[in-house]
Amino acid sequence: MRTRGTLRLATRGSTLARRQAALVKEALEERRYEVELVTVETTGDQIRDELIHRLGKTGAFVRELDERVLEGDLDGAVHSLKDMPTEQPSELVTAAVPERGRPGDVLVTPDGSSFQDLPRGGTVGTSSLRRRAQLLSERPDLEVEPLRGNVDTRLEKLLAPALQEEHQERTEADKERKGNAGNEDFEPAYDRSVDDWFDDLSELERRALGREVETEYDAIVLAAAGLERSGLTRSVDYRELPTGPFVPAPGQGALAVTARDGETAREIQTAIDHPRSRVETTVERTILAELGGGCIAPIGIYAVVQGEYVHATVNVFDRDGAESVAASRDLPVETHAGAAREFARDLANRGAAELIQAARDDASDDVSEEDKPEGK
């Protein structure tokens, strides 16, 4: 066992964050470390009604956790890598990137419909600028509406309208059945009572049944890894979206453990760092840092190690998905970070910089509009 005491790791308090931190805890415990998870509330958790790109500085879900590490209260922090700013304090390092989960997105619908089968003018929910731009690029007819909350909450918002409609129909059918008691010619609309139907619902569906509906979504888009780690893949109908047109966010599907630069960080790296995942996400985040998009621009970056090369795909959009700069390149593994920077500079010169600046200007306009007095 570890003789230097228990590793104390910070995590956000959401169900998904705690599940992800538990994966890191289990991996470290398999290497004979003792681990304690400490829940820390973040700015991103506190501001529940704002979209991610309006939360202010990049890292709304990260900063408070890392501050506890830098202050010496905790040994490390567990993050979703895609939430992490590309710039970190010099005393802090990414000690480990465990083996990456599924990097892509999934389309979740009440009935298992494919993306192309969504109705014309259908409503798709997402709070991601990237996903919004990609959806509109492929289907300009769609209405893309904001959607926030944890994975469970988003799924409940999707499922609620259909479940509530069915509940109402079954309730009325029960009344009709009771009113026709003894009528041998009466054929009920449903074989089972509304109570029997309710008893067979999952916990997720029961919560959806009681949720107030503001927007009716035909589909929502989630990270595949988030859905899987939430343990809900068997509770909903979903389709994986291809990573060609729907290039994932940089670092999506990957976790990261940050720690102060030193012995503890080196121990964590030796124990659970996954070299391939580290290389792939380093390429993605290096390109993002060089482009300077942060969370204000619709950018998809996806890298895959293929032998001696890292195949990197980048897609930068305007906010409505009408314009884009897209390219792929094989980068040498041995010089992947430098090659990624060069690739990003080429993309910037091809028009990516203009799209990112336009997105930055749009974000500033959004904030300016919100700051105006009522009636203006």
Protein backbone atom coordinates (compact mmCIF):
# COMPACT_ATOMS: atom_id res chain seq x y z
CA MET A 1 0.00 0.00 0.00
CA ARG A 2 0.98 3.63 -0.42
CA THR A 3 2.98 4.80 2.57
CA ARG A 4 2.59 8.56 2.03
CA GLY A 5 -1.09 8.69 2.99
CA THR A 6 -4.29 8.80 0.98
CA LEU A 7 -4.49 10.60 -2.36
CA ARG A 8 -7.24 13.21 -2.03
CA LEU A 9 -8.74 14.13 -5.40
CA ALA A 10 -11.22 16.92 -6.12
CA THR A 11 -14.30 16.32 -8.23
CA ARG A 12 -17.39 18.26 -9.19
CA GLY A 13 -20.59 17.16 -7.51
CA SER A 14 -22.70 16.18 -10.53
CA THR A 15 -23.60 12.53 -10.96
CA LEU A 16 -21.51 12.27 -14.13
CA ALA A 17 -18.50 14.02 -12.56
CA ARG A 18 -18.58 11.69 -9.57
CA ARG A 19 -18.88 8.63 -11.81
CA GLN A 20 -15.88 9.81 -13.83
CA ALA A 21 -13.87 10.50 -10.69
CA ALA A 22 -14.79 7.03 -9.47
CA LEU A 23 -13.21 5.57 -12.64
CA VAL A 24 -9.95 7.37 -11.81
CA LYS A 25 -10.21 6.23 -8.19
CA GLU A 26 -10.68 2.61 -9.26
CA ALA A 27 -7.73 2.79 -11.66
CA LEU A 28 -5.46 4.15 -8.93
CA GLU A 29 -6.69 1.61 -6.41
CA GLU A 30 -5.82 -1.16 -8.86
CA ARG A 31 -2.25 0.17 -8.60
CA ARG A 32 -2.48 -0.10 -4.80
CA TYR A 33 -3.14 3.56 -4.00
CA GLU A 34 -5.62 4.70 -1.40
CA VAL A 35 -7.90 7.41 -2.80
CA GLU A 36 -10.48 9.77 -1.30
CA LEU A 37 -12.77 11.84 -3.54
CA VAL A 38 -13.65 15.35 -2.32
CA THR A 39 -16.61 17.17 -3.88
CA VAL A 40 -16.04 20.84 -4.77
CA GLU A 41 -18.76 23.10 -6.17
CA THR A 42 -17.66 25.20 -9.16
CA THR A 43 -18.82 28.43 -10.78
CA GLY A 44 -20.21 26.41 -13.67
CA ASP A 45 -22.34 24.38 -11.25
CA GLN A 46 -23.64 27.51 -9.52
CA ILE A 47 -24.67 29.41 -12.67
CA ARG A 48 -27.31 27.02 -13.91
CA ASP A 49 -29.24 29.22 -16.35
CA GLU A 50 -26.38 30.37 -18.56
CA LEU A 51 -25.04 28.62 -21.61
CA ILE A 52 -21.46 27.41 -21.42
CA HIS A 53 -20.09 30.03 -23.81
CA ARG A 54 -21.60 32.84 -21.69
CA LEU A 55 -20.10 31.76 -18.38
CA GLY A 56 -17.15 34.11 -18.69
CA LYS A 57 -13.59 32.81 -18.65
CA THR A 58 -12.90 29.38 -20.03
CA GLY A 59 -12.75 26.88 -17.20
CA ALA A 60 -16.01 27.57 -15.37
CA PHE A 61 -16.11 23.92 -14.30
CA VAL A 62 -12.39 23.68 -13.52
CA ARG A 63 -10.95 26.67 -11.69
CA GLU A 64 -12.17 26.05 -8.14
CA LEU A 65 -10.97 22.44 -8.20
CA ASP A 66 -7.48 23.42 -9.33
CA GLU A 67 -7.33 26.25 -6.81
CA ARG A 68 -7.81 23.71 -4.01
CA VAL A 69 -4.91 21.72 -5.44
CA LEU A 70 -2.63 24.75 -5.74
CA GLU A 71 -3.47 25.79 -2.18
CA GLY A 72 -2.31 22.39 -0.99
CA ASP A 73 -5.71 21.28 0.33
CA LEU A 74 -5.93 18.40 -2.14
CA ASP A 75 -3.46 16.25 -4.07
CA GLY A 76 -5.15 16.46 -7.45
CA ALA A 77 -8.37 17.09 -9.35
CA VAL A 78 -10.33 15.03 -11.85
CA HIS A 79 -11.71 16.87 -14.89
CA SER A 80 -13.38 16.23 -18.19
CA LEU A 81 -10.48 17.17 -20.44
CA LYS A 82 -12.66 19.11 -22.86
CA ASP A 83 -13.65 21.47 -20.00
CA MET A 84 -10.05 22.39 -19.21
CA PRO A 85 -8.50 25.65 -20.43
CA THR A 86 -5.49 25.12 -22.67
CA GLU A 87 -3.48 27.44 -20.43
CA GLN A 88 -2.66 26.34 -16.89
CA PRO A 89 -0.76 27.90 -13.97
CA SER A 90 2.93 27.04 -14.23
CA GLU A 91 2.84 25.11 -10.92
CA LEU A 92 0.07 22.83 -12.23
CA VAL A 93 0.49 19.92 -14.64
CA THR A 94 -1.81 17.40 -16.29
CA ALA A 95 -0.49 14.46 -14.32
CA ALA A 96 -2.45 11.81 -16.20
CA VAL A 97 -4.81 11.25 -19.10
CA PRO A 98 -6.34 7.80 -18.51
CA GLU A 99 -7.47 5.72 -21.47
CA ARG A 100 -9.99 7.72 -23.43
CA GLY A 101 -13.65 6.81 -23.71
CA ARG A 102 -15.75 7.11 -26.85
CA PRO A 103 -14.91 10.53 -28.32
CA GLY A 104 -17.94 11.16 -30.52
CA ASP A 105 -21.48 12.46 -30.11
CA VAL A 106 -24.80 10.63 -30.10
CA LEU A 107 -28.23 11.72 -31.27
CA VAL A 108 -30.89 10.76 -28.72
CA THR A 109 -34.55 10.67 -29.76
CA PRO A 110 -37.75 9.45 -28.12
CA ASP A 111 -38.21 6.79 -30.83
CA GLY A 112 -34.72 5.95 -32.13
CA SER A 113 -34.94 8.08 -35.29
CA SER A 114 -31.78 8.70 -37.30
CA PHE A 115 -30.44 12.19 -37.96
CA GLN A 116 -31.72 12.18 -41.54
CA ASP A 117 -35.13 10.95 -40.39
CA LEU A 118 -35.72 13.93 -38.13
CA PRO A 119 -38.75 15.92 -39.32
CA ARG A 120 -38.13 18.98 -41.45
CA GLY A 121 -37.96 21.96 -39.13
CA GLY A 122 -37.49 19.63 -36.15
CA THR A 123 -36.11 20.93 -32.88
CA VAL A 124 -32.75 19.65 -31.61
CA GLY A 125 -31.41 20.56 -28.20
CA THR A 126 -27.78 21.37 -27.41
CA SER A 127 -25.89 24.09 -25.54
CA SER A 128 -22.73 23.51 -27.60
CA LEU A 129 -21.79 26.06 -30.27
CA ARG A 130 -19.88 23.34 -32.11
CA ARG A 131 -22.81 20.94 -32.20
CA ARG A 132 -25.18 23.73 -33.23
CA ALA A 133 -22.98 24.69 -36.17
CA GLN A 134 -22.49 21.09 -37.26
CA LEU A 135 -26.20 20.32 -37.07
CA LEU A 136 -27.10 23.38 -39.13
CA SER A 137 -24.32 22.69 -41.62
CA GLU A 138 -25.84 19.26 -42.33
CA ARG A 139 -29.50 20.23 -41.89
CA PRO A 140 -30.13 24.00 -42.24
CA ASP A 141 -33.86 23.33 -41.83
CA LEU A 142 -33.51 22.30 -38.20
CA GLU A 143 -34.27 24.51 -35.21
CA VAL A 144 -31.44 24.21 -32.68
CA GLU A 145 -32.52 25.28 -29.21
CA PRO A 146 -30.47 25.73 -26.01
CA LEU A 147 -30.37 22.82 -23.59
CA ARG A 148 -28.53 22.76 -20.26
CA GLY A 149 -28.40 20.51 -17.26
CA ASN A 150 -26.74 17.23 -16.42
CA VAL A 151 -27.23 14.18 -18.64
CA ASP A 152 -30.27 12.96 -16.70
CA THR A 153 -31.94 16.37 -16.84
CA ARG A 154 -31.42 16.69 -20.59
CA LEU A 155 -32.85 13.24 -21.23
CA GLU A 156 -35.85 13.99 -19.02
CA LYS A 157 -36.56 17.16 -21.02
CA LEU A 158 -36.45 15.13 -24.24
CA LEU A 159 -38.70 12.31 -23.02
CA ALA A 160 -41.21 14.38 -21.07
CA PRO A 161 -43.68 15.47 -23.80
CA ALA A 162 -44.31 12.02 -25.28
CA LEU A 163 -44.57 10.37 -21.87
CA GLN A 164 -46.94 13.01 -20.56
CA GLU A 165 -49.11 12.70 -23.65
CA GLU A 166 -49.24 8.92 -23.30
CA HIS A 167 -50.04 9.22 -19.60
CA GLN A 168 -52.97 11.50 -20.39
CA GLU A 169 -54.27 9.15 -23.09
CA ARG A 170 -54.00 6.15 -20.78
CA THR A 171 -55.71 8.01 -17.94
CA GLU A 172 -58.64 8.87 -20.22
CA ALA A 173 -58.72 5.29 -21.48
CA ASP A 174 -58.95 4.03 -17.91
CA LYS A 175 -61.92 6.31 -17.26
CA GLU A 176 -63.58 5.07 -20.43
CA ARG A 177 -62.93 1.45 -19.44
CA LYS A 178 -64.52 1.99 -16.04
CA GLY A 179 -67.48 3.72 -17.67
CA ASN A 180 -68.03 0.70 -19.89
CA ALA A 181 -67.72 -1.92 -17.18
CA GLY A 182 -69.96 -4.84 -18.09
CA ASN A 183 -70.17 -3.82 -21.77
CA GLU A 184 -68.97 -6.92 -23.62
CA ASP A 185 -68.71 -5.05 -26.94
CA PHE A 186 -66.31 -2.43 -25.57
CA GLU A 187 -62.69 -2.71 -26.76
CA PRO A 188 -60.26 -0.76 -24.57
CA ALA A 189 -57.58 1.35 -26.24
CA TYR A 190 -54.89 -0.20 -24.05
CA ASP A 191 -54.45 -3.68 -22.64
CA ARG A 192 -53.03 -2.45 -19.33
CA SER A 193 -54.14 0.15 -16.84
CA VAL A 194 -52.28 3.41 -16.42
CA ASP A 195 -51.01 2.19 -13.02
CA ASP A 196 -49.53 -0.97 -14.54
CA TRP A 197 -47.94 1.11 -17.29
CA PHE A 198 -46.45 3.50 -14.72
CA ASP A 199 -45.04 0.63 -12.66
CA ASP A 200 -43.01 -0.54 -15.67
CA LEU A 201 -41.42 2.86 -16.32
CA SER A 202 -37.75 3.38 -15.52
CA GLU A 203 -36.72 5.88 -12.86
CA LEU A 204 -35.61 8.25 -15.62
CA GLU A 205 -39.01 8.03 -17.33
CA ARG A 206 -40.86 8.60 -14.06
CA ARG A 207 -38.88 11.77 -13.40
CA ALA A 208 -39.54 12.90 -16.98
CA LEU A 209 -43.25 12.35 -16.46
CA GLY A 210 -43.25 14.96 -13.69
CA ARG A 211 -41.04 17.50 -15.46
CA GLU A 212 -42.46 20.81 -16.66
CA VAL A 213 -42.07 21.13 -20.44
CA GLU A 214 -40.86 24.43 -21.90
CA THR A 215 -39.47 23.23 -25.22
CA GLU A 216 -40.43 20.07 -27.09
CA TYR A 217 -37.32 18.50 -28.59
CA ASP A 218 -37.35 16.01 -31.45
CA ALA A 219 -33.78 15.06 -30.50
CA ILE A 220 -30.87 16.10 -28.36
CA VAL A 221 -27.12 15.64 -28.87
CA LEU A 222 -24.87 14.35 -26.10
CA ALA A 223 -21.31 13.13 -25.75
CA ALA A 224 -21.24 9.36 -26.21
CA ALA A 225 -18.87 8.94 -23.27
CA GLY A 226 -21.09 11.01 -20.99
CA LEU A 227 -24.16 8.93 -21.84
CA GLU A 228 -22.22 5.71 -21.32
CA ARG A 229 -20.60 6.78 -18.03
CA SER A 230 -24.01 7.88 -16.74
CA GLY A 231 -25.19 4.29 -17.15
CA LEU A 232 -28.13 5.32 -19.33
CA THR A 233 -27.35 3.73 -22.70
CA ARG A 234 -30.02 1.08 -22.10
CA SER A 235 -32.61 3.63 -20.98
CA VAL A 236 -32.89 5.64 -24.21
CA ASP A 237 -32.81 5.25 -27.99
CA TYR A 238 -29.76 6.80 -29.61
CA ARG A 239 -27.66 6.78 -32.77
CA GLU A 240 -23.94 7.49 -32.97
CA LEU A 241 -23.11 10.51 -35.12
CA PRO A 242 -20.21 10.01 -37.55
CA THR A 243 -17.03 11.82 -36.56
CA GLY A 244 -16.55 13.04 -40.15
CA PRO A 245 -19.27 15.70 -40.33
CA PHE A 246 -19.62 15.78 -36.53
CA VAL A 247 -15.96 16.23 -35.52
CA PRO A 248 -15.79 15.94 -31.71
CA ALA A 249 -14.66 18.66 -29.36
CA PRO A 250 -10.95 18.55 -28.52
CA GLY A 251 -10.43 16.20 -25.61
CA GLN A 252 -13.99 14.86 -25.66
CA GLY A 253 -14.31 11.46 -24.03
CA ALA A 254 -11.05 11.88 -22.12
CA LEU A 255 -10.50 12.53 -18.42
CA ALA A 256 -7.55 14.35 -16.88
CA VAL A 257 -5.99 14.46 -13.43
CA THR A 258 -4.26 17.73 -12.57
CA ALA A 259 -1.73 18.05 -9.75
CA ARG A 260 1.07 20.30 -8.58
CA ASP A 261 4.27 19.65 -10.48
CA GLY A 262 6.27 17.24 -8.35
CA GLU A 263 6.49 13.73 -6.98
CA THR A 264 2.74 13.14 -6.60
CA ALA A 265 2.12 14.16 -10.20
CA ARG A 266 4.84 11.80 -11.40
CA GLU A 267 3.36 8.95 -9.34
CA ILE A 268 -0.11 9.51 -10.81
CA GLN A 269 1.32 9.64 -14.33
CA THR A 270 3.23 6.39 -13.86
CA ALA A 271 0.14 4.70 -12.44
CA ILE A 272 -2.66 5.60 -14.86
CA ASP A 273 -1.46 7.75 -17.79
CA HIS A 274 -2.41 6.22 -21.17
CA PRO A 275 0.27 7.19 -23.74
CA ARG A 276 -1.94 6.94 -26.83
CA SER A 277 -4.73 9.00 -25.28
CA ARG A 278 -2.14 11.51 -24.08
CA VAL A 279 -0.73 11.95 -27.61
CA GLU A 280 -4.14 12.25 -29.27
CA THR A 281 -5.50 14.79 -26.82
CA THR A 282 -2.23 16.74 -26.82
CA VAL A 283 -2.58 17.18 -30.58
CA GLU A 284 -6.19 18.30 -30.22
CA ARG A 285 -5.52 20.76 -27.43
CA THR A 286 -2.36 22.12 -29.07
CA ILE A 287 -4.33 22.93 -32.22
CA LEU A 288 -7.07 24.54 -30.12
CA ALA A 289 -4.55 26.62 -28.17
CA GLU A 290 -2.83 27.78 -31.35
CA LEU A 291 -6.15 28.74 -32.98
CA GLY A 292 -7.28 30.47 -29.80
CA GLY A 293 -10.93 29.44 -30.07
CA GLY A 294 -11.52 28.40 -26.49
CA CYS A 295 -15.22 27.77 -25.84
CA ILE A 296 -16.47 30.77 -27.86
CA ALA A 297 -16.06 29.36 -31.36
CA PRO A 298 -17.55 26.26 -33.03
CA ILE A 299 -14.45 24.08 -33.40
CA GLY A 300 -14.19 20.32 -33.80
CA ILE A 301 -10.75 18.68 -33.51
CA TYR A 302 -10.20 14.93 -33.52
CA ALA A 303 -6.87 13.08 -33.55
CA VAL A 304 -6.23 9.35 -33.86
CA VAL A 305 -2.83 7.63 -33.61
CA GLN A 306 -2.28 5.51 -36.72
CA GLY A 307 1.12 3.83 -36.62
CA GLU A 308 3.86 6.42 -36.90
CA TYR A 309 1.40 9.25 -37.52
CA VAL A 310 -1.44 11.03 -35.77
CA HIS A 311 -4.33 11.63 -38.15
CA ALA A 312 -5.82 15.00 -37.15
CA THR A 313 -9.12 16.37 -38.45
CA VAL A 314 -10.19 19.96 -37.80
CA ASN A 315 -13.41 21.76 -38.65
CA VAL A 316 -13.94 25.42 -37.77
CA PHE A 317 -17.39 26.92 -38.39
CA ASP A 318 -19.15 30.22 -38.16
CA ARG A 319 -21.85 30.19 -35.51
CA ASP A 320 -24.63 29.21 -37.94
CA GLY A 321 -22.71 26.47 -39.74
CA ALA A 322 -22.92 28.27 -43.09
CA GLU A 323 -19.16 28.74 -43.51
CA SER A 324 -16.32 26.48 -42.45
CA VAL A 325 -12.65 25.74 -42.82
CA ALA A 326 -11.96 22.00 -42.72
CA ALA A 327 -8.82 19.93 -43.20
CA SER A 328 -7.10 16.70 -42.18
CA ARG A 329 -3.39 16.01 -41.88
CA ASP A 330 -1.11 13.16 -40.79
CA LEU A 331 1.31 14.42 -38.15
CA PRO A 332 4.47 12.52 -37.14
CA VAL A 333 4.05 10.96 -33.69
CA GLU A 334 7.62 11.87 -32.72
CA THR A 335 7.01 15.58 -33.27
CA HIS A 336 3.23 15.65 -32.76
CA ALA A 337 3.05 18.83 -30.69
CA GLY A 338 5.16 20.94 -33.03
CA ALA A 339 3.43 19.51 -36.10
CA ALA A 340 0.05 20.29 -34.53
CA ARG A 341 1.05 23.93 -34.04
CA GLU A 342 2.16 24.18 -37.66
CA PHE A 343 -1.12 22.60 -38.82
CA ALA A 344 -3.08 25.13 -36.75
CA ARG A 345 -1.16 28.06 -38.20
CA ASP A 346 -1.94 26.83 -41.72
CA LEU A 347 -5.63 26.58 -40.84
CA ALA A 348 -5.59 30.08 -39.38
CA ASN A 349 -4.11 31.42 -42.62
CA ARG A 350 -6.77 29.61 -44.64
CA GLY A 351 -9.58 31.51 -42.93
CA ALA A 352 -10.02 29.80 -39.57
CA ALA A 353 -8.71 32.89 -37.75
CA GLU A 354 -11.41 35.05 -39.35
CA LEU A 355 -14.18 32.64 -38.36
CA ILE A 356 -12.91 32.49 -34.78
CA GLN A 357 -12.66 36.29 -34.56
CA ALA A 358 -16.22 36.59 -35.88
CA ALA A 359 -17.38 34.14 -33.22
CA ARG A 360 -15.54 36.17 -30.58
CA ASP A 361 -17.25 39.36 -31.81
CA ASP A 362 -20.64 37.63 -31.74
CA ALA A 363 -20.01 36.49 -28.17
CA SER A 364 -19.17 40.08 -27.16
CA ASP A 365 -22.38 41.28 -28.82
CA ASP A 366 -24.38 38.69 -26.84
CA VAL A 367 -22.97 39.98 -23.58
CA SER A 368 -23.57 43.61 -24.61
CA GLU A 369 -27.22 42.87 -25.39
CA GLU A 370 -27.69 41.19 -22.01
CA ASP A 371 -26.15 44.18 -20.22
CA LYS A 372 -28.63 46.64 -21.77
CA PRO A 373 -31.43 47.99 -19.53
CA GLU A 374 -34.87 46.49 -20.06
CA GLY A 375 -36.71 48.06 -22.99
CA LYS A 376 -33.55 48.88 -24.89
